[in-house]
Amino acid sequence: MENDRIIELETKLSYQEMTIQELSGMIADQEKRLARLEERDRVLTGKVRDLMEIMEESPVNGKPPHY
């Protein structure tokens, strides 16, 4: 009986260790993905800012030449 209980506990521990490793890998992958998304956001924000500056300087937003 005691031996069966130890085997059961060792089996559960083994599955828990495997699950922890899988979750650790998932977290690492998500951290990489988040870093890429943050970089993409930074680049796109800069591009939008540049476009807004161009739009503000554009004659389209100014008075027509006949005024």
PDB file of N, CA and C in Angstrom:
ATOM      1  N   MET A   1       0.812  -1.212   0.000  1.00  0.00           N
ATOM      2  CA  MET A   1       0.000   0.000   0.000  1.00  0.00           C
ATOM      3  C   MET A   1       0.853   1.272   0.000  1.00  0.00           C
ATOM      4  N   GLU A   2       1.826   1.298   0.884  1.00  0.00           N
ATOM      5  CA  GLU A   2       2.681   2.485   0.989  1.00  0.00           C
ATOM      6  C   GLU A   2       3.429   2.717  -0.325  1.00  0.00           C
ATOM      7  N   ASN A   3       3.890   1.643  -0.929  1.00  0.00           N
ATOM      8  CA  ASN A   3       4.619   1.742  -2.187  1.00  0.00           C
ATOM      9  C   ASN A   3       3.719   2.276  -3.305  1.00  0.00           C
ATOM     10  N   ASP A   4       2.472   1.854  -3.348  1.00  0.00           N
ATOM     11  CA  ASP A   4       1.514   2.348  -4.345  1.00  0.00           C
ATOM     12  C   ASP A   4       1.291   3.844  -4.178  1.00  0.00           C
ATOM     13  N   ARG A   5       1.205   4.279  -2.964  1.00  0.00           N
ATOM     14  CA  ARG A   5       0.985   5.709  -2.679  1.00  0.00           C
ATOM     15  C   ARG A   5       2.178   6.533  -3.137  1.00  0.00           C
ATOM     16  N   ILE A   6       3.368   6.027  -2.897  1.00  0.00           N
ATOM     17  CA  ILE A   6       4.579   6.738  -3.323  1.00  0.00           C
ATOM     18  C   ILE A   6       4.633   6.815  -4.845  1.00  0.00           C
ATOM     19  N   ILE A   7       4.309   5.715  -5.505  1.00  0.00           N
ATOM     20  CA  ILE A   7       4.301   5.702  -6.970  1.00  0.00           C
ATOM     21  C   ILE A   7       3.276   6.697  -7.512  1.00  0.00           C
ATOM     22  N   GLU A   8       2.116   6.745  -6.897  1.00  0.00           N
ATOM     23  CA  GLU A   8       1.078   7.693  -7.317  1.00  0.00           C
ATOM     24  C   GLU A   8       1.553   9.134  -7.138  1.00  0.00           C
ATOM     25  N   LEU A   9       2.182   9.435  -6.021  1.00  0.00           N
ATOM     26  CA  LEU A   9       2.700  10.786  -5.778  1.00  0.00           C
ATOM     27  C   LEU A   9       3.807  11.137  -6.768  1.00  0.00           C
ATOM     28  N   GLU A  10       4.677  10.194  -7.053  1.00  0.00           N
ATOM     29  CA  GLU A  10       5.744  10.443  -8.020  1.00  0.00           C
ATOM     30  C   GLU A  10       5.181  10.679  -9.417  1.00  0.00           C
ATOM     31  N   THR A  11       4.139   9.952  -9.761  1.00  0.00           N
ATOM     32  CA  THR A  11       3.490  10.133 -11.060  1.00  0.00           C
ATOM     33  C   THR A  11       2.866  11.521 -11.154  1.00  0.00           C
ATOM     34  N   LYS A  12       2.170  11.924 -10.104  1.00  0.00           N
ATOM     35  CA  LYS A  12       1.559  13.260 -10.098  1.00  0.00           C
ATOM     36  C   LYS A  12       2.629  14.336 -10.182  1.00  0.00           C
ATOM     37  N   LEU A  13       3.710  14.158  -9.446  1.00  0.00           N
ATOM     38  CA  LEU A  13       4.798  15.130  -9.471  1.00  0.00           C
ATOM     39  C   LEU A  13       5.400  15.228 -10.874  1.00  0.00           C
ATOM     40  N   SER A  14       5.558  14.101 -11.514  1.00  0.00           N
ATOM     41  CA  SER A  14       6.111  14.073 -12.860  1.00  0.00           C
ATOM     42  C   SER A  14       5.217  14.844 -13.835  1.00  0.00           C
ATOM     43  N   TYR A  15       3.914  14.623 -13.751  1.00  0.00           N
ATOM     44  CA  TYR A  15       2.978  15.361 -14.611  1.00  0.00           C
ATOM     45  C   TYR A  15       2.995  16.860 -14.297  1.00  0.00           C
ATOM     46  N   GLN A  16       3.114  17.205 -13.034  1.00  0.00           N
ATOM     47  CA  GLN A  16       3.164  18.614 -12.658  1.00  0.00           C
ATOM     48  C   GLN A  16       4.422  19.275 -13.203  1.00  0.00           C
ATOM     49  N   GLU A  17       5.542  18.583 -13.126  1.00  0.00           N
ATOM     50  CA  GLU A  17       6.788  19.128 -13.668  1.00  0.00           C
ATOM     51  C   GLU A  17       6.686  19.329 -15.175  1.00  0.00           C
ATOM     52  N   MET A  18       6.062  18.380 -15.866  1.00  0.00           N
ATOM     53  CA  MET A  18       5.880  18.492 -17.310  1.00  0.00           C
ATOM     54  C   MET A  18       4.977  19.696 -17.633  1.00  0.00           C
ATOM     55  N   THR A  19       3.921  19.855 -16.866  1.00  0.00           N
ATOM     56  CA  THR A  19       3.000  20.976 -17.082  1.00  0.00           C
ATOM     57  C   THR A  19       3.702  22.307 -16.834  1.00  0.00           C
ATOM     58  N   ILE A  20       4.509  22.381 -15.797  1.00  0.00           N
ATOM     59  CA  ILE A  20       5.253  23.609 -15.497  1.00  0.00           C
ATOM     60  C   ILE A  20       6.197  23.944 -16.647  1.00  0.00           C
ATOM     61  N   GLN A  21       6.868  22.965 -17.201  1.00  0.00           N
ATOM     62  CA  GLN A  21       7.770  23.197 -18.331  1.00  0.00           C
ATOM     63  C   GLN A  21       6.999  23.701 -19.549  1.00  0.00           C
ATOM     64  N   GLU A  22       5.849  23.106 -19.818  1.00  0.00           N
ATOM     65  CA  GLU A  22       5.028  23.549 -20.953  1.00  0.00           C
ATOM     66  C   GLU A  22       4.562  24.990 -20.755  1.00  0.00           C
ATOM     67  N   LEU A  23       4.111  25.304 -19.547  1.00  0.00           N
ATOM     68  CA  LEU A  23       3.647  26.662 -19.267  1.00  0.00           C
ATOM     69  C   LEU A  23       4.788  27.662 -19.343  1.00  0.00           C
ATOM     70  N   SER A  24       5.951  27.257 -18.881  1.00  0.00           N
ATOM     71  CA  SER A  24       7.117  28.132 -18.964  1.00  0.00           C
ATOM     72  C   SER A  24       7.455  28.440 -20.418  1.00  0.00           C
ATOM     73  N   GLY A  25       7.389  27.431 -21.273  1.00  0.00           N
ATOM     74  CA  GLY A  25       7.632  27.643 -22.699  1.00  0.00           C
ATOM     75  C   GLY A  25       6.593  28.557 -23.323  1.00  0.00           C
ATOM     76  N   MET A  26       5.345  28.386 -22.920  1.00  0.00           N
ATOM     77  CA  MET A  26       4.273  29.244 -23.446  1.00  0.00           C
ATOM     78  C   MET A  26       4.492  30.697 -23.026  1.00  0.00           C
ATOM     79  N   ILE A  27       4.892  30.893 -21.803  1.00  0.00           N
ATOM     80  CA  ILE A  27       5.140  32.256 -21.312  1.00  0.00           C
ATOM     81  C   ILE A  27       6.293  32.888 -22.084  1.00  0.00           C
ATOM     82  N   ALA A  28       7.348  32.127 -22.308  1.00  0.00           N
ATOM     83  CA  ALA A  28       8.495  32.649 -23.063  1.00  0.00           C
ATOM     84  C   ALA A  28       8.067  33.043 -24.477  1.00  0.00           C
ATOM     85  N   ASP A  29       7.263  32.201 -25.121  1.00  0.00           N
ATOM     86  CA  ASP A  29       6.770  32.520 -26.466  1.00  0.00           C
ATOM     87  C   ASP A  29       5.909  33.779 -26.453  1.00  0.00           C
ATOM     88  N   GLN A  30       5.058  33.921 -25.461  1.00  0.00           N
ATOM     89  CA  GLN A  30       4.196  35.098 -25.374  1.00  0.00           C
ATOM     90  C   GLN A  30       5.003  36.359 -25.105  1.00  0.00           C
ATOM     91  N   GLU A  31       6.068  36.248 -24.322  1.00  0.00           N
ATOM     92  CA  GLU A  31       6.922  37.412 -24.085  1.00  0.00           C
ATOM     93  C   GLU A  31       7.580  37.872 -25.378  1.00  0.00           C
ATOM     94  N   LYS A  32       8.038  36.921 -26.191  1.00  0.00           N
ATOM     95  CA  LYS A  32       8.634  37.270 -27.482  1.00  0.00           C
ATOM     96  C   LYS A  32       7.599  37.927 -28.390  1.00  0.00           C
ATOM     97  N   ARG A  33       6.407  37.351 -28.415  1.00  0.00           N
ATOM     98  CA  ARG A  33       5.345  37.911 -29.261  1.00  0.00           C
ATOM     99  C   ARG A  33       4.970  39.314 -28.804  1.00  0.00           C
ATOM    100  N   LEU A  34       4.883  39.507 -27.511  1.00  0.00           N
ATOM    101  CA  LEU A  34       4.559  40.823 -26.973  1.00  0.00           C
ATOM    102  C   LEU A  34       5.631  41.838 -27.340  1.00  0.00           C
ATOM    103  N   ALA A  35       6.890  41.444 -27.258  1.00  0.00           N
ATOM    104  CA  ALA A  35       7.980  42.353 -27.627  1.00  0.00           C
ATOM    105  C   ALA A  35       7.879  42.750 -29.095  1.00  0.00           C
ATOM    106  N   ARG A  36       7.568  41.772 -29.972  1.00  0.00           N
ATOM    107  CA  ARG A  36       7.407  42.099 -31.394  1.00  0.00           C
ATOM    108  C   ARG A  36       6.230  43.046 -31.614  1.00  0.00           C
ATOM    109  N   LEU A  37       5.125  42.807 -30.915  1.00  0.00           N
ATOM    110  CA  LEU A  37       3.950  43.675 -31.066  1.00  0.00           C
ATOM    111  C   LEU A  37       4.228  45.081 -30.549  1.00  0.00           C
ATOM    112  N   GLU A  38       4.969  45.181 -29.446  1.00  0.00           N
ATOM    113  CA  GLU A  38       5.308  46.497 -28.920  1.00  0.00           C
ATOM    114  C   GLU A  38       6.199  47.255 -29.898  1.00  0.00           C
ATOM    115  N   GLU A  39       7.139  46.554 -30.533  1.00  0.00           N
ATOM    116  CA  GLU A  39       8.001  47.193 -31.524  1.00  0.00           C
ATOM    117  C   GLU A  39       7.181  47.636 -32.738  1.00  0.00           C
ATOM    118  N   ARG A  40       6.274  46.784 -33.183  1.00  0.00           N
ATOM    119  CA  ARG A  40       5.411  47.146 -34.317  1.00  0.00           C
ATOM    120  C   ARG A  40       4.554  48.361 -33.966  1.00  0.00           C
ATOM    121  N   ASP A  41       4.037  48.391 -32.754  1.00  0.00           N
ATOM    122  CA  ASP A  41       3.235  49.531 -32.309  1.00  0.00           C
ATOM    123  C   ASP A  41       4.064  50.812 -32.317  1.00  0.00           C
ATOM    124  N   ARG A  42       5.313  50.707 -31.834  1.00  0.00           N
ATOM    125  CA  ARG A  42       6.192  51.879 -31.811  1.00  0.00           C
ATOM    126  C   ARG A  42       6.440  52.400 -33.220  1.00  0.00           C
ATOM    127  N   VAL A  43       6.702  51.492 -34.161  1.00  0.00           N
ATOM    128  CA  VAL A  43       6.959  51.886 -35.548  1.00  0.00           C
ATOM    129  C   VAL A  43       5.716  52.512 -36.172  1.00  0.00           C
ATOM    130  N   LEU A  44       4.571  51.864 -35.983  1.00  0.00           N
ATOM    131  CA  LEU A  44       3.336  52.390 -36.575  1.00  0.00           C
ATOM    132  C   LEU A  44       2.940  53.729 -35.965  1.00  0.00           C
ATOM    133  N   THR A  45       3.150  53.884 -34.673  1.00  0.00           N
ATOM    134  CA  THR A  45       2.851  55.167 -34.027  1.00  0.00           C
ATOM    135  C   THR A  45       3.712  56.272 -34.621  1.00  0.00           C
ATOM    136  N   GLY A  46       4.980  55.965 -34.862  1.00  0.00           N
ATOM    137  CA  GLY A  46       5.866  56.950 -35.487  1.00  0.00           C
ATOM    138  C   GLY A  46       5.404  57.307 -36.890  1.00  0.00           C
ATOM    139  N   LYS A  47       4.974  56.306 -37.649  1.00  0.00           N
ATOM    140  CA  LYS A  47       4.501  56.572 -39.005  1.00  0.00           C
ATOM    141  C   LYS A  47       3.234  57.420 -38.991  1.00  0.00           C
ATOM    142  N   VAL A  48       2.325  57.139 -38.083  1.00  0.00           N
ATOM    143  CA  VAL A  48       1.094  57.936 -37.981  1.00  0.00           C
ATOM    144  C   VAL A  48       1.445  59.367 -37.592  1.00  0.00           C
ATOM    145  N   ARG A  49       2.373  59.526 -36.660  1.00  0.00           N
ATOM    146  CA  ARG A  49       2.792  60.866 -36.243  1.00  0.00           C
ATOM    147  C   ARG A  49       3.385  61.622 -37.433  1.00  0.00           C
ATOM    148  N   ASP A  50       4.225  60.940 -38.224  1.00  0.00           N
ATOM    149  CA  ASP A  50       4.808  61.575 -39.409  1.00  0.00           C
ATOM    150  C   ASP A  50       3.728  61.974 -40.411  1.00  0.00           C
ATOM    151  N   LEU A  51       2.762  61.099 -40.632  1.00  0.00           N
ATOM    152  CA  LEU A  51       1.681  61.413 -41.569  1.00  0.00           C
ATOM    153  C   LEU A  51       0.836  62.583 -41.074  1.00  0.00           C
ATOM    154  N   MET A  52       0.608  62.650 -39.780  1.00  0.00           N
ATOM    155  CA  MET A  52      -0.170  63.766 -39.233  1.00  0.00           C
ATOM    156  C   MET A  52       0.569  65.083 -39.427  1.00  0.00           C
ATOM    157  N   GLU A  53       1.882  65.069 -39.255  1.00  0.00           N
ATOM    158  CA  GLU A  53       2.672  66.282 -39.482  1.00  0.00           C
ATOM    159  C   GLU A  53       2.604  66.705 -40.940  1.00  0.00           C
ATOM    160  N   ILE A  54       2.689  65.752 -41.850  1.00  0.00           N
ATOM    161  CA  ILE A  54       2.601  66.058 -43.277  1.00  0.00           C
ATOM    162  C   ILE A  54       1.225  66.629 -43.605  1.00  0.00           C
ATOM    163  N   MET A  55       0.178  66.039 -43.012  1.00  0.00           N
ATOM    164  CA  MET A  55      -1.182  66.514 -43.270  1.00  0.00           C
ATOM    165  C   MET A  55      -1.367  67.944 -42.753  1.00  0.00           C
ATOM    166  N   GLU A  56      -0.774  68.249 -41.618  1.00  0.00           N
ATOM    167  CA  GLU A  56      -0.902  69.597 -41.050  1.00  0.00           C
ATOM    168  C   GLU A  56      -0.188  70.625 -41.917  1.00  0.00           C
ATOM    169  N   GLU A  57       0.920  70.229 -42.547  1.00  0.00           N
ATOM    170  CA  GLU A  57       1.696  71.141 -43.377  1.00  0.00           C
ATOM    171  C   GLU A  57       1.159  71.210 -44.803  1.00  0.00           C
ATOM    172  N   SER A  58       0.290  70.301 -45.159  1.00  0.00           N
ATOM    173  CA  SER A  58      -0.217  70.202 -46.519  1.00  0.00           C
ATOM    174  C   SER A  58      -1.090  71.403 -46.863  1.00  0.00           C
ATOM    175  N   PRO A  59      -0.974  71.906 -48.099  1.00  0.00           N
ATOM    176  CA  PRO A  59      -1.824  73.020 -48.530  1.00  0.00           C
ATOM    177  C   PRO A  59      -3.299  72.633 -48.616  1.00  0.00           C
ATOM    178  N   VAL A  60      -3.610  71.366 -48.588  1.00  0.00           N
ATOM    179  CA  VAL A  60      -4.993  70.918 -48.636  1.00  0.00           C
ATOM    180  C   VAL A  60      -5.755  71.476 -47.439  1.00  0.00           C
ATOM    181  N   ASN A  61      -5.104  71.591 -46.320  1.00  0.00           N
ATOM    182  CA  ASN A  61      -5.742  72.092 -45.110  1.00  0.00           C
ATOM    183  C   ASN A  61      -5.723  73.614 -45.023  1.00  0.00           C
ATOM    184  N   GLY A  62      -4.999  74.274 -45.932  1.00  0.00           N
ATOM    185  CA  GLY A  62      -4.926  75.725 -45.915  1.00  0.00           C
ATOM    186  C   GLY A  62      -6.029  76.346 -46.760  1.00  0.00           C
ATOM    187  N   LYS A  63      -5.992  77.668 -46.869  1.00  0.00           N
ATOM    188  CA  LYS A  63      -6.967  78.367 -47.693  1.00  0.00           C
ATOM    189  C   LYS A  63      -6.627  78.155 -49.162  1.00  0.00           C
ATOM    190  N   PRO A  64      -7.640  78.132 -50.000  1.00  0.00           N
ATOM    191  CA  PRO A  64      -7.390  78.020 -51.449  1.00  0.00           C
ATOM    192  C   PRO A  64      -6.596  79.227 -51.930  1.00  0.00           C
ATOM    193  N   PRO A  65      -5.861  79.083 -53.016  1.00  0.00           N
ATOM    194  CA  PRO A  65      -4.986  80.166 -53.502  1.00  0.00           C
ATOM    195  C   PRO A  65      -5.731  81.440 -53.877  1.00  0.00           C
ATOM    196  N   HIS A  66      -7.026  81.383 -54.217  1.00  0.00           N
ATOM    197  CA  HIS A  66      -7.734  82.584 -54.645  1.00  0.00           C
ATOM    198  C   HIS A  66      -8.201  83.432 -53.470  1.00  0.00           C
ATOM    199  N   TYR A  67      -7.905  83.075 -52.218  1.00  0.00           N
ATOM    200  CA  TYR A  67      -8.312  83.887 -51.075  1.00  0.00           C
ATOM    201  C   TYR A  67      -7.256  84.842 -50.681  1.00  0.00           C
TER     202      TYR A  67
END
